[in-house]
Amino acid sequence: QVQLQESGPGLVKPSQTLSLTCTVTGESITTAPYYWTWIRQPLGKELEWIGYIGYSGSTYFNPSLKSRTSITRDTSKNHVILQLSSVTPEDTAVYYCCRIPFAQLSTIEPHPTKTVGDWGQGTQVTVSS
């Protein structure tokens, strides 16, 4: 059974780069037809998809965040890495790593739902000086 675990600093200063790692166990991140997706939820707001990297390494980002987002992978460690640059307090949220099959990928727009795919437990990131 696949398991996903997010990790990274819980506090980031404004203008810095947020970097989170998703450690995947139980399945290779190169296995079709899965897309490894980053999603976040600010307190009191809806889930928002950030972007994803597919089993082949292709990436796609939410247009509203595209200019600040990078998603990469380390296949030797089975890690998926999110980097979000030039953060502001509006980037404060719980960040989730998720496995979404291709057939359900369209459901993440405009807002994802936790009933689709497999989710990590999430990690709180606060942007504050």
Foldseek 3Di string as FASTA:
>chain_A
DKAKAKDADQEAEAQAKGKIKIQIPPDFQLDPDKKKWKWWDAPPGAIATAWTAGSVGDIDGDVVQVVFWDWGADRVRSMIMIMGGRDDQVPWTWMKIWIAHPVCVVCPPPHHDPVGGGIHPTGTHGYHD
